[in-house]
Amino acid sequence: MLSNTAKDYESIIDRIKPVGNVYIEVKNKLAEQKEVVSKIRDASSIYNTFCIACHASGVSGAPRFGNVNDWASRIAQGKQIMQDNVIKGLNAMPEKGLCMDCSDDELLQVIEYMIKDL
């Protein structure tokens, strides 16, 4: 049998109310995290985290790091096309190479890092 009296509701509230309070200080945590990320997110670290698995070996046709023959036709298309392909994904490469929190500028820096000595 259900009851809808105010006393019943108060009784329920008393039974389920929290035992205590939790305080989590988050005031500057986000700013600190962004600062840490910006310090470690250079092109080399992004490449070594997200790109190396395919671009070191050339798996599924990925242009190999430092291999001029693999990159020549892509370089001829221009950096904007290469950046667009990375952002949207191409063939077996997923969108953004799975670096979903990488900015477009970071992705361009990784491209430049991969082709800098060619």
PDB file of N, CA and C in Angstrom:
ATOM      1  N   MET A   1       0.841  -1.170   0.000  1.00  0.00           N
ATOM      2  CA  MET A   1       0.000   0.000   0.000  1.00  0.00           C
ATOM      3  C   MET A   1       0.889   1.236   0.000  1.00  0.00           C
ATOM      4  N   LEU A   2       0.632   2.152  -0.915  1.00  0.00           N
ATOM      5  CA  LEU A   2       1.391   3.383  -1.017  1.00  0.00           C
ATOM      6  C   LEU A   2       0.673   4.499  -0.280  1.00  0.00           C
ATOM      7  N   SER A   3       1.481   5.359   0.298  1.00  0.00           N
ATOM      8  CA  SER A   3       0.902   6.499   1.005  1.00  0.00           C
ATOM      9  C   SER A   3       1.498   7.763   0.433  1.00  0.00           C
ATOM     10  N   ASN A   4       0.725   8.800   0.345  1.00  0.00           N
ATOM     11  CA  ASN A   4       1.178  10.040  -0.257  1.00  0.00           C
ATOM     12  C   ASN A   4       1.114  11.213   0.708  1.00  0.00           C
ATOM     13  N   THR A   5       1.267  10.972   1.964  1.00  0.00           N
ATOM     14  CA  THR A   5       1.181  12.074   2.917  1.00  0.00           C
ATOM     15  C   THR A   5       2.528  12.765   3.033  1.00  0.00           C
ATOM     16  N   ALA A   6       2.497  13.990   3.497  1.00  0.00           N
ATOM     17  CA  ALA A   6       3.723  14.757   3.693  1.00  0.00           C
ATOM     18  C   ALA A   6       4.631  14.071   4.697  1.00  0.00           C
ATOM     19  N   LYS A   7       4.055  13.472   5.712  1.00  0.00           N
ATOM     20  CA  LYS A   7       4.841  12.773   6.730  1.00  0.00           C
ATOM     21  C   LYS A   7       5.588  11.589   6.114  1.00  0.00           C
ATOM     22  N   ASP A   8       4.932  10.876   5.204  1.00  0.00           N
ATOM     23  CA  ASP A   8       5.588   9.755   4.532  1.00  0.00           C
ATOM     24  C   ASP A   8       6.761  10.237   3.679  1.00  0.00           C
ATOM     25  N   TYR A   9       6.565  11.335   2.946  1.00  0.00           N
ATOM     26  CA  TYR A   9       7.644  11.887   2.127  1.00  0.00           C
ATOM     27  C   TYR A   9       8.813  12.332   2.999  1.00  0.00           C
ATOM     28  N   GLU A  10       8.531  12.981   4.119  1.00  0.00           N
ATOM     29  CA  GLU A  10       9.590  13.415   5.029  1.00  0.00           C
ATOM     30  C   GLU A  10      10.354  12.219   5.578  1.00  0.00           C
ATOM     31  N   SER A  11       9.650  11.160   5.874  1.00  0.00           N
ATOM     32  CA  SER A  11      10.279   9.949   6.381  1.00  0.00           C
ATOM     33  C   SER A  11      11.217   9.348   5.335  1.00  0.00           C
ATOM     34  N   ILE A  12      10.774   9.344   4.107  1.00  0.00           N
ATOM     35  CA  ILE A  12      11.613   8.828   3.011  1.00  0.00           C
ATOM     36  C   ILE A  12      12.851   9.699   2.842  1.00  0.00           C
ATOM     37  N   ILE A  13      12.665  11.002   2.862  1.00  0.00           N
ATOM     38  CA  ILE A  13      13.789  11.928   2.704  1.00  0.00           C
ATOM     39  C   ILE A  13      14.807  11.721   3.817  1.00  0.00           C
ATOM     40  N   ASP A  14      14.338  11.550   5.042  1.00  0.00           N
ATOM     41  CA  ASP A  14      15.244  11.306   6.164  1.00  0.00           C
ATOM     42  C   ASP A  14      16.034  10.012   5.978  1.00  0.00           C
ATOM     43  N   ARG A  15      15.403   8.975   5.440  1.00  0.00           N
ATOM     44  CA  ARG A  15      16.072   7.687   5.263  1.00  0.00           C
ATOM     45  C   ARG A  15      17.117   7.705   4.149  1.00  0.00           C
ATOM     46  N   ILE A  16      16.899   8.513   3.137  1.00  0.00           N
ATOM     47  CA  ILE A  16      17.822   8.480   1.991  1.00  0.00           C
ATOM     48  C   ILE A  16      18.767   9.675   1.926  1.00  0.00           C
ATOM     49  N   LYS A  17      18.702  10.571   2.892  1.00  0.00           N
ATOM     50  CA  LYS A  17      19.573  11.745   2.833  1.00  0.00           C
ATOM     51  C   LYS A  17      21.029  11.316   2.996  1.00  0.00           C
ATOM     52  N   PRO A  18      21.945  12.099   2.446  1.00  0.00           N
ATOM     53  CA  PRO A  18      23.365  11.766   2.549  1.00  0.00           C
ATOM     54  C   PRO A  18      23.830  11.766   4.001  1.00  0.00           C
ATOM     55  N   VAL A  19      24.828  10.936   4.263  1.00  0.00           N
ATOM     56  CA  VAL A  19      25.388  10.855   5.603  1.00  0.00           C
ATOM     57  C   VAL A  19      26.336  12.022   5.845  1.00  0.00           C
ATOM     58  N   GLY A  20      27.005  12.456   4.822  1.00  0.00           N
ATOM     59  CA  GLY A  20      27.957  13.554   4.946  1.00  0.00           C
ATOM     60  C   GLY A  20      28.070  14.292   3.636  1.00  0.00           C
ATOM     61  N   ASN A  21      29.038  15.189   3.558  1.00  0.00           N
ATOM     62  CA  ASN A  21      29.273  15.972   2.348  1.00  0.00           C
ATOM     63  C   ASN A  21      30.686  15.698   1.847  1.00  0.00           C
ATOM     64  N   VAL A  22      30.864  15.810   0.562  1.00  0.00           N
ATOM     65  CA  VAL A  22      32.173  15.650  -0.052  1.00  0.00           C
ATOM     66  C   VAL A  22      32.528  16.963  -0.722  1.00  0.00           C
ATOM     67  N   TYR A  23      33.744  17.412  -0.482  1.00  0.00           N
ATOM     68  CA  TYR A  23      34.212  18.639  -1.116  1.00  0.00           C
ATOM     69  C   TYR A  23      35.435  18.292  -1.950  1.00  0.00           C
ATOM     70  N   ILE A  24      35.363  18.609  -3.223  1.00  0.00           N
ATOM     71  CA  ILE A  24      36.483  18.378  -4.126  1.00  0.00           C
ATOM     72  C   ILE A  24      36.901  19.724  -4.684  1.00  0.00           C
ATOM     73  N   GLU A  25      38.138  20.098  -4.416  1.00  0.00           N
ATOM     74  CA  GLU A  25      38.626  21.377  -4.913  1.00  0.00           C
ATOM     75  C   GLU A  25      39.059  21.216  -6.367  1.00  0.00           C
ATOM     76  N   VAL A  26      38.426  21.951  -7.246  1.00  0.00           N
ATOM     77  CA  VAL A  26      38.749  21.878  -8.668  1.00  0.00           C
ATOM     78  C   VAL A  26      39.105  23.244  -9.233  1.00  0.00           C
ATOM     79  N   LYS A  27      39.284  24.184  -8.366  1.00  0.00           N
ATOM     80  CA  LYS A  27      39.481  25.573  -8.755  1.00  0.00           C
ATOM     81  C   LYS A  27      40.454  25.746  -9.923  1.00  0.00           C
ATOM     82  N   ASN A  28      41.653  25.260  -9.789  1.00  0.00           N
ATOM     83  CA  ASN A  28      42.658  25.479 -10.826  1.00  0.00           C
ATOM     84  C   ASN A  28      43.115  24.191 -11.492  1.00  0.00           C
ATOM     85  N   LYS A  29      42.435  23.098 -11.249  1.00  0.00           N
ATOM     86  CA  LYS A  29      42.870  21.817 -11.795  1.00  0.00           C
ATOM     87  C   LYS A  29      42.835  21.796 -13.320  1.00  0.00           C
ATOM     88  N   LEU A  30      41.793  22.349 -13.917  1.00  0.00           N
ATOM     89  CA  LEU A  30      41.695  22.342 -15.376  1.00  0.00           C
ATOM     90  C   LEU A  30      42.816  23.164 -15.988  1.00  0.00           C
ATOM     91  N   ALA A  31      43.086  24.327 -15.427  1.00  0.00           N
ATOM     92  CA  ALA A  31      44.174  25.161 -15.937  1.00  0.00           C
ATOM     93  C   ALA A  31      45.510  24.437 -15.813  1.00  0.00           C
ATOM     94  N   GLU A  32      45.717  23.747 -14.685  1.00  0.00           N
ATOM     95  CA  GLU A  32      46.955  22.996 -14.495  1.00  0.00           C
ATOM     96  C   GLU A  32      47.072  21.866 -15.511  1.00  0.00           C
ATOM     97  N   GLN A  33      45.974  21.177 -15.780  1.00  0.00           N
ATOM     98  CA  GLN A  33      45.998  20.084 -16.743  1.00  0.00           C
ATOM     99  C   GLN A  33      46.306  20.607 -18.135  1.00  0.00           C
ATOM    100  N   LYS A  34      45.697  21.733 -18.521  1.00  0.00           N
ATOM    101  CA  LYS A  34      45.968  22.303 -19.842  1.00  0.00           C
ATOM    102  C   LYS A  34      47.431  22.702 -19.957  1.00  0.00           C
ATOM    103  N   GLU A  35      47.998  23.226 -18.882  1.00  0.00           N
ATOM    104  CA  GLU A  35      49.395  23.628 -18.899  1.00  0.00           C
ATOM    105  C   GLU A  35      50.297  22.413 -19.084  1.00  0.00           C
ATOM    106  N   VAL A  36      50.010  21.331 -18.387  1.00  0.00           N
ATOM    107  CA  VAL A  36      50.794  20.105 -18.518  1.00  0.00           C
ATOM    108  C   VAL A  36      50.680  19.560 -19.929  1.00  0.00           C
ATOM    109  N   VAL A  37      49.467  19.524 -20.475  1.00  0.00           N
ATOM    110  CA  VAL A  37      49.262  19.016 -21.830  1.00  0.00           C
ATOM    111  C   VAL A  37      50.032  19.850 -22.835  1.00  0.00           C
ATOM    112  N   SER A  38      50.007  21.181 -22.696  1.00  0.00           N
ATOM    113  CA  SER A  38      50.694  22.028 -23.666  1.00  0.00           C
ATOM    114  C   SER A  38      52.203  21.846 -23.592  1.00  0.00           C
ATOM    115  N   LYS A  39      52.723  21.463 -22.431  1.00  0.00           N
ATOM    116  CA  LYS A  39      54.155  21.261 -22.294  1.00  0.00           C
ATOM    117  C   LYS A  39      54.616  19.967 -22.956  1.00  0.00           C
ATOM    118  N   ILE A  40      53.767  18.962 -22.996  1.00  0.00           N
ATOM    119  CA  ILE A  40      54.206  17.670 -23.515  1.00  0.00           C
ATOM    120  C   ILE A  40      53.670  17.361 -24.911  1.00  0.00           C
ATOM    121  N   ARG A  41      52.874  18.242 -25.476  1.00  0.00           N
ATOM    122  CA  ARG A  41      52.232  17.949 -26.754  1.00  0.00           C
ATOM    123  C   ARG A  41      53.008  18.538 -27.928  1.00  0.00           C
ATOM    124  N   ASP A  42      54.244  18.168 -28.065  1.00  0.00           N
ATOM    125  CA  ASP A  42      54.958  18.570 -29.261  1.00  0.00           C
ATOM    126  C   ASP A  42      54.726  17.520 -30.348  1.00  0.00           C
ATOM    127  N   ALA A  43      55.137  17.840 -31.548  1.00  0.00           N
ATOM    128  CA  ALA A  43      54.880  16.952 -32.688  1.00  0.00           C
ATOM    129  C   ALA A  43      55.484  15.566 -32.479  1.00  0.00           C
ATOM    130  N   SER A  44      56.666  15.518 -31.908  1.00  0.00           N
ATOM    131  CA  SER A  44      57.329  14.235 -31.680  1.00  0.00           C
ATOM    132  C   SER A  44      56.537  13.353 -30.718  1.00  0.00           C
ATOM    133  N   SER A  45      56.042  13.934 -29.634  1.00  0.00           N
ATOM    134  CA  SER A  45      55.293  13.116 -28.669  1.00  0.00           C
ATOM    135  C   SER A  45      53.955  12.667 -29.240  1.00  0.00           C
ATOM    136  N   ILE A  46      53.322  13.510 -30.037  1.00  0.00           N
ATOM    137  CA  ILE A  46      52.064  13.102 -30.680  1.00  0.00           C
ATOM    138  C   ILE A  46      52.340  11.964 -31.664  1.00  0.00           C
ATOM    139  N   TYR A  47      53.377  12.126 -32.487  1.00  0.00           N
ATOM    140  CA  TYR A  47      53.747  11.067 -33.435  1.00  0.00           C
ATOM    141  C   TYR A  47      54.016   9.751 -32.700  1.00  0.00           C
ATOM    142  N   ASN A  48      54.808   9.820 -31.638  1.00  0.00           N
ATOM    143  CA  ASN A  48      55.185   8.606 -30.906  1.00  0.00           C
ATOM    144  C   ASN A  48      54.025   7.983 -30.143  1.00  0.00           C
ATOM    145  N   THR A  49      52.981   8.747 -29.898  1.00  0.00           N
ATOM    146  CA  THR A  49      51.814   8.215 -29.201  1.00  0.00           C
ATOM    147  C   THR A  49      50.769   7.666 -30.163  1.00  0.00           C
ATOM    148  N   PHE A  50      50.502   8.392 -31.248  1.00  0.00           N
ATOM    149  CA  PHE A  50      49.370   8.051 -32.111  1.00  0.00           C
ATOM    150  C   PHE A  50      49.755   7.545 -33.501  1.00  0.00           C
ATOM    151  N   CYS A  51      50.891   7.941 -34.025  1.00  0.00           N
ATOM    152  CA  CYS A  51      51.191   7.715 -35.442  1.00  0.00           C
ATOM    153  C   CYS A  51      52.198   6.599 -35.708  1.00  0.00           C
ATOM    154  N   ILE A  52      53.078   6.379 -34.774  1.00  0.00           N
ATOM    155  CA  ILE A  52      54.220   5.496 -35.002  1.00  0.00           C
ATOM    156  C   ILE A  52      53.821   4.065 -35.360  1.00  0.00           C
ATOM    157  N   ALA A  53      52.731   3.582 -34.804  1.00  0.00           N
ATOM    158  CA  ALA A  53      52.335   2.187 -35.045  1.00  0.00           C
ATOM    159  C   ALA A  53      52.177   1.889 -36.533  1.00  0.00           C
ATOM    160  N   CYS A  54      51.645   2.822 -37.280  1.00  0.00           N
ATOM    161  CA  CYS A  54      51.437   2.601 -38.719  1.00  0.00           C
ATOM    162  C   CYS A  54      52.541   3.228 -39.566  1.00  0.00           C
ATOM    163  N   HIS A  55      52.988   4.430 -39.187  1.00  0.00           N
ATOM    164  CA  HIS A  55      53.918   5.160 -40.044  1.00  0.00           C
ATOM    165  C   HIS A  55      55.372   4.720 -39.883  1.00  0.00           C
ATOM    166  N   ALA A  56      55.685   3.924 -38.878  1.00  0.00           N
ATOM    167  CA  ALA A  56      57.035   3.369 -38.774  1.00  0.00           C
ATOM    168  C   ALA A  56      57.199   2.170 -39.701  1.00  0.00           C
ATOM    169  N   SER A  57      56.132   1.394 -39.858  1.00  0.00           N
ATOM    170  CA  SER A  57      56.224   0.161 -40.650  1.00  0.00           C
ATOM    171  C   SER A  57      55.577   0.261 -42.029  1.00  0.00           C
ATOM    172  N   GLY A  58      54.702   1.243 -42.225  1.00  0.00           N
ATOM    173  CA  GLY A  58      54.006   1.373 -43.501  1.00  0.00           C
ATOM    174  C   GLY A  58      52.806   0.458 -43.628  1.00  0.00           C
ATOM    175  N   VAL A  59      52.296  -0.011 -42.502  1.00  0.00           N
ATOM    176  CA  VAL A  59      51.149  -0.910 -42.516  1.00  0.00           C
ATOM    177  C   VAL A  59      49.962  -0.263 -43.240  1.00  0.00           C
ATOM    178  N   SER A  60      49.250  -1.044 -44.001  1.00  0.00           N
ATOM    179  CA  SER A  60      48.057  -0.611 -44.756  1.00  0.00           C
ATOM    180  C   SER A  60      48.329   0.569 -45.681  1.00  0.00           C
ATOM    181  N   GLY A  61      49.554   0.671 -46.158  1.00  0.00           N
ATOM    182  CA  GLY A  61      49.890   1.722 -47.110  1.00  0.00           C
ATOM    183  C   GLY A  61      50.224   3.068 -46.499  1.00  0.00           C
ATOM    184  N   ALA A  62      50.392   3.125 -45.185  1.00  0.00           N
ATOM    185  CA  ALA A  62      50.753   4.394 -44.539  1.00  0.00           C
ATOM    186  C   ALA A  62      52.147   4.807 -44.995  1.00  0.00           C
ATOM    187  N   PRO A  63      52.338   6.077 -45.351  1.00  0.00           N
ATOM    188  CA  PRO A  63      53.679   6.518 -45.742  1.00  0.00           C
ATOM    189  C   PRO A  63      54.625   6.421 -44.543  1.00  0.00           C
ATOM    190  N   ARG A  64      55.763   5.767 -44.752  1.00  0.00           N
ATOM    191  CA  ARG A  64      56.702   5.543 -43.660  1.00  0.00           C
ATOM    192  C   ARG A  64      57.481   6.810 -43.323  1.00  0.00           C
ATOM    193  N   PHE A  65      57.684   6.996 -42.045  1.00  0.00           N
ATOM    194  CA  PHE A  65      58.443   8.135 -41.544  1.00  0.00           C
ATOM    195  C   PHE A  65      59.825   8.141 -42.193  1.00  0.00           C
ATOM    196  N   GLY A  66      60.178   9.269 -42.798  1.00  0.00           N
ATOM    197  CA  GLY A  66      61.499   9.425 -43.388  1.00  0.00           C
ATOM    198  C   GLY A  66      61.698   8.779 -44.741  1.00  0.00           C
ATOM    199  N   ASN A  67      60.669   8.209 -45.335  1.00  0.00           N
ATOM    200  CA  ASN A  67      60.801   7.549 -46.630  1.00  0.00           C
ATOM    201  C   ASN A  67      60.295   8.481 -47.727  1.00  0.00           C
ATOM    202  N   VAL A  68      61.213   9.048 -48.471  1.00  0.00           N
ATOM    203  CA  VAL A  68      60.863  10.054 -49.479  1.00  0.00           C
ATOM    204  C   VAL A  68      59.956   9.482 -50.563  1.00  0.00           C
ATOM    205  N   ASN A  69      60.159   8.219 -50.940  1.00  0.00           N
ATOM    206  CA  ASN A  69      59.318   7.623 -51.981  1.00  0.00           C
ATOM    207  C   ASN A  69      57.864   7.502 -51.533  1.00  0.00           C
ATOM    208  N   ASP A  70      57.660   7.172 -50.262  1.00  0.00           N
ATOM    209  CA  ASP A  70      56.295   7.054 -49.742  1.00  0.00           C
ATOM    210  C   ASP A  70      55.590   8.409 -49.684  1.00  0.00           C
ATOM    211  N   TRP A  71      56.361   9.451 -49.442  1.00  0.00           N
ATOM    212  CA  TRP A  71      55.765  10.772 -49.215  1.00  0.00           C
ATOM    213  C   TRP A  71      55.708  11.655 -50.462  1.00  0.00           C
ATOM    214  N   ALA A  72      56.460  11.348 -51.493  1.00  0.00           N
ATOM    215  CA  ALA A  72      56.601  12.256 -52.640  1.00  0.00           C
ATOM    216  C   ALA A  72      55.264  12.686 -53.237  1.00  0.00           C
ATOM    217  N   SER A  73      54.386  11.754 -53.521  1.00  0.00           N
ATOM    218  CA  SER A  73      53.105  12.120 -54.146  1.00  0.00           C
ATOM    219  C   SER A  73      52.222  12.904 -53.182  1.00  0.00           C
ATOM    220  N   ARG A  74      52.341  12.624 -51.912  1.00  0.00           N
ATOM    221  CA  ARG A  74      51.536  13.346 -50.916  1.00  0.00           C
ATOM    222  C   ARG A  74      52.041  14.773 -50.750  1.00  0.00           C
ATOM    223  N   ILE A  75      53.367  14.922 -50.704  1.00  0.00           N
ATOM    224  CA  ILE A  75      53.957  16.255 -50.588  1.00  0.00           C
ATOM    225  C   ILE A  75      53.578  17.099 -51.797  1.00  0.00           C
ATOM    226  N   ALA A  76      53.539  16.475 -52.968  1.00  0.00           N
ATOM    227  CA  ALA A  76      53.167  17.194 -54.195  1.00  0.00           C
ATOM    228  C   ALA A  76      51.747  17.746 -54.123  1.00  0.00           C
ATOM    229  N   GLN A  77      50.874  17.105 -53.368  1.00  0.00           N
ATOM    230  CA  GLN A  77      49.494  17.593 -53.217  1.00  0.00           C
ATOM    231  C   GLN A  77      49.415  18.833 -52.337  1.00  0.00           C
ATOM    232  N   GLY A  78      50.393  19.016 -51.475  1.00  0.00           N
ATOM    233  CA  GLY A  78      50.419  20.175 -50.589  1.00  0.00           C
ATOM    234  C   GLY A  78      49.992  19.831 -49.174  1.00  0.00           C
ATOM    235  N   LYS A  79      50.444  20.670 -48.249  1.00  0.00           N
ATOM    236  CA  LYS A  79      50.177  20.426 -46.827  1.00  0.00           C
ATOM    237  C   LYS A  79      48.696  20.508 -46.485  1.00  0.00           C
ATOM    238  N   GLN A  80      47.955  21.374 -47.167  1.00  0.00           N
ATOM    239  CA  GLN A  80      46.528  21.510 -46.844  1.00  0.00           C
ATOM    240  C   GLN A  80      45.773  20.213 -47.135  1.00  0.00           C
ATOM    241  N   ILE A  81      46.072  19.585 -48.265  1.00  0.00           N
ATOM    242  CA  ILE A  81      45.433  18.308 -48.605  1.00  0.00           C
ATOM    243  C   ILE A  81      45.837  17.241 -47.591  1.00  0.00           C
ATOM    244  N   MET A  82      47.126  17.211 -47.252  1.00  0.00           N
ATOM    245  CA  MET A  82      47.579  16.225 -46.269  1.00  0.00           C
ATOM    246  C   MET A  82      46.883  16.444 -44.927  1.00  0.00           C
ATOM    247  N   GLN A  83      46.770  17.698 -44.508  1.00  0.00           N
ATOM    248  CA  GLN A  83      46.108  17.996 -43.240  1.00  0.00           C
ATOM    249  C   GLN A  83      44.630  17.601 -43.293  1.00  0.00           C
ATOM    250  N   ASP A  84      43.963  17.909 -44.381  1.00  0.00           N
ATOM    251  CA  ASP A  84      42.555  17.515 -44.538  1.00  0.00           C
ATOM    252  C   ASP A  84      42.396  15.996 -44.452  1.00  0.00           C
ATOM    253  N   ASN A  85      43.324  15.263 -45.082  1.00  0.00           N
ATOM    254  CA  ASN A  85      43.264  13.800 -45.040  1.00  0.00           C
ATOM    255  C   ASN A  85      43.434  13.267 -43.616  1.00  0.00           C
ATOM    256  N   VAL A  86      44.326  13.895 -42.859  1.00  0.00           N
ATOM    257  CA  VAL A  86      44.519  13.469 -41.471  1.00  0.00           C
ATOM    258  C   VAL A  86      43.266  13.775 -40.654  1.00  0.00           C
ATOM    259  N   ILE A  87      42.726  14.964 -40.816  1.00  0.00           N
ATOM    260  CA  ILE A  87      41.553  15.374 -40.035  1.00  0.00           C
ATOM    261  C   ILE A  87      40.362  14.460 -40.324  1.00  0.00           C
ATOM    262  N   LYS A  88      40.121  14.171 -41.583  1.00  0.00           N
ATOM    263  CA  LYS A  88      38.947  13.375 -41.973  1.00  0.00           C
ATOM    264  C   LYS A  88      39.212  11.871 -41.943  1.00  0.00           C
ATOM    265  N   GLY A  89      40.483  11.495 -42.005  1.00  0.00           N
ATOM    266  CA  GLY A  89      40.838  10.086 -42.128  1.00  0.00           C
ATOM    267  C   GLY A  89      40.940   9.719 -43.602  1.00  0.00           C
ATOM    268  N   LEU A  90      41.767   8.750 -43.910  1.00  0.00           N
ATOM    269  CA  LEU A  90      41.969   8.340 -45.296  1.00  0.00           C
ATOM    270  C   LEU A  90      42.358   6.863 -45.320  1.00  0.00           C
ATOM    271  N   ASN A  91      41.668   6.104 -46.149  1.00  0.00           N
ATOM    272  CA  ASN A  91      41.911   4.660 -46.252  1.00  0.00           C
ATOM    273  C   ASN A  91      41.846   4.027 -44.861  1.00  0.00           C
ATOM    274  N   ALA A  92      42.926   3.381 -44.424  1.00  0.00           N
ATOM    275  CA  ALA A  92      42.904   2.712 -43.118  1.00  0.00           C
ATOM    276  C   ALA A  92      43.159   3.668 -41.953  1.00  0.00           C
ATOM    277  N   MET A  93      43.606   4.892 -42.251  1.00  0.00           N
ATOM    278  CA  MET A  93      43.875   5.843 -41.172  1.00  0.00           C
ATOM    279  C   MET A  93      42.565   6.426 -40.656  1.00  0.00           C
ATOM    280  N   PRO A  94      42.320   6.271 -39.361  1.00  0.00           N
ATOM    281  CA  PRO A  94      41.087   6.836 -38.802  1.00  0.00           C
ATOM    282  C   PRO A  94      41.165   8.352 -38.694  1.00  0.00           C
ATOM    283  N   GLU A  95      40.027   8.956 -38.499  1.00  0.00           N
ATOM    284  CA  GLU A  95      39.931  10.398 -38.310  1.00  0.00           C
ATOM    285  C   GLU A  95      40.936  10.854 -37.252  1.00  0.00           C
ATOM    286  N   LYS A  96      41.692  11.887 -37.603  1.00  0.00           N
ATOM    287  CA  LYS A  96      42.711  12.487 -36.732  1.00  0.00           C
ATOM    288  C   LYS A  96      43.747  11.476 -36.250  1.00  0.00           C
ATOM    289  N   GLY A  97      43.858  10.356 -36.926  1.00  0.00           N
ATOM    290  CA  GLY A  97      44.804   9.333 -36.495  1.00  0.00           C
ATOM    291  C   GLY A  97      44.550   8.872 -35.070  1.00  0.00           C
ATOM    292  N   LEU A  98      43.313   9.013 -34.643  1.00  0.00           N
ATOM    293  CA  LEU A  98      42.826   8.685 -33.296  1.00  0.00           C
ATOM    294  C   LEU A  98      43.276   9.668 -32.219  1.00  0.00           C
ATOM    295  N   CYS A  99      43.919  10.748 -32.591  1.00  0.00           N
ATOM    296  CA  CYS A  99      44.255  11.794 -31.616  1.00  0.00           C
ATOM    297  C   CYS A  99      43.093  12.781 -31.595  1.00  0.00           C
ATOM    298  N   MET A 100      42.014  12.375 -30.979  1.00  0.00           N
ATOM    299  CA  MET A 100      40.773  13.141 -31.053  1.00  0.00           C
ATOM    300  C   MET A 100      40.858  14.499 -30.371  1.00  0.00           C
ATOM    301  N   ASP A 101      41.783  14.677 -29.444  1.00  0.00           N
ATOM    302  CA  ASP A 101      41.910  15.979 -28.803  1.00  0.00           C
ATOM    303  C   ASP A 101      43.028  16.815 -29.413  1.00  0.00           C
ATOM    304  N   CYS A 102      43.624  16.348 -30.495  1.00  0.00           N
ATOM    305  CA  CYS A 102      44.627  17.147 -31.202  1.00  0.00           C
ATOM    306  C   CYS A 102      43.939  18.266 -31.972  1.00  0.00           C
ATOM    307  N   SER A 103      44.532  19.431 -31.918  1.00  0.00           N
ATOM    308  CA  SER A 103      44.017  20.547 -32.711  1.00  0.00           C
ATOM    309  C   SER A 103      44.482  20.383 -34.157  1.00  0.00           C
ATOM    310  N   ASP A 104      43.866  21.131 -35.052  1.00  0.00           N
ATOM    311  CA  ASP A 104      44.282  21.094 -36.456  1.00  0.00           C
ATOM    312  C   ASP A 104      45.734  21.543 -36.594  1.00  0.00           C
ATOM    313  N   ASP A 105      46.134  22.546 -35.802  1.00  0.00           N
ATOM    314  CA  ASP A 105      47.519  23.020 -35.846  1.00  0.00           C
ATOM    315  C   ASP A 105      48.493  21.941 -35.374  1.00  0.00           C
ATOM    316  N   GLU A 106      48.117  21.207 -34.332  1.00  0.00           N
ATOM    317  CA  GLU A 106      48.982  20.125 -33.857  1.00  0.00           C
ATOM    318  C   GLU A 106      49.138  19.051 -34.927  1.00  0.00           C
ATOM    319  N   LEU A 107      48.052  18.736 -35.610  1.00  0.00           N
ATOM    320  CA  LEU A 107      48.125  17.727 -36.671  1.00  0.00           C
ATOM    321  C   LEU A 107      49.031  18.194 -37.804  1.00  0.00           C
ATOM    322  N   LEU A 108      48.957  19.472 -38.150  1.00  0.00           N
ATOM    323  CA  LEU A 108      49.842  20.016 -39.180  1.00  0.00           C
ATOM    324  C   LEU A 108      51.297  19.941 -38.722  1.00  0.00           C
ATOM    325  N   GLN A 109      51.550  20.226 -37.461  1.00  0.00           N
ATOM    326  CA  GLN A 109      52.914  20.139 -36.931  1.00  0.00           C
ATOM    327  C   GLN A 109      53.444  18.707 -37.008  1.00  0.00           C
ATOM    328  N   VAL A 110      52.579  17.737 -36.787  1.00  0.00           N
ATOM    329  CA  VAL A 110      53.000  16.335 -36.886  1.00  0.00           C
ATOM    330  C   VAL A 110      53.339  15.990 -38.336  1.00  0.00           C
ATOM    331  N   ILE A 111      52.525  16.462 -39.268  1.00  0.00           N
ATOM    332  CA  ILE A 111      52.828  16.241 -40.690  1.00  0.00           C
ATOM    333  C   ILE A 111      54.191  16.838 -41.020  1.00  0.00           C
ATOM    334  N   GLU A 112      54.405  18.074 -40.605  1.00  0.00           N
ATOM    335  CA  GLU A 112      55.685  18.741 -40.875  1.00  0.00           C
ATOM    336  C   GLU A 112      56.844  17.990 -40.225  1.00  0.00           C
ATOM    337  N   TYR A 113      56.619  17.464 -39.039  1.00  0.00           N
ATOM    338  CA  TYR A 113      57.636  16.671 -38.344  1.00  0.00           C
ATOM    339  C   TYR A 113      57.971  15.413 -39.146  1.00  0.00           C
ATOM    340  N   MET A 114      56.962  14.770 -39.703  1.00  0.00           N
ATOM    341  CA  MET A 114      57.177  13.522 -40.432  1.00  0.00           C
ATOM    342  C   MET A 114      57.888  13.725 -41.772  1.00  0.00           C
ATOM    343  N   ILE A 115      57.757  14.911 -42.352  1.00  0.00           N
ATOM    344  CA  ILE A 115      58.353  15.141 -43.679  1.00  0.00           C
ATOM    345  C   ILE A 115      59.519  16.125 -43.648  1.00  0.00           C
ATOM    346  N   LYS A 116      59.932  16.565 -42.468  1.00  0.00           N
ATOM    347  CA  LYS A 116      60.909  17.658 -42.378  1.00  0.00           C
ATOM    348  C   LYS A 116      62.253  17.356 -43.026  1.00  0.00           C
ATOM    349  N   ASP A 117      62.706  16.140 -43.009  1.00  0.00           N
ATOM    350  CA  ASP A 117      64.028  15.823 -43.558  1.00  0.00           C
ATOM    351  C   ASP A 117      63.975  15.210 -44.950  1.00  0.00           C
ATOM    352  N   LEU A 118      62.842  15.335 -45.627  1.00  0.00           N
ATOM    353  CA  LEU A 118      62.712  14.727 -46.959  1.00  0.00           C
ATOM    354  C   LEU A 118      63.046  15.721 -48.046  1.00  0.00           C
TER     355      LEU A 118
END
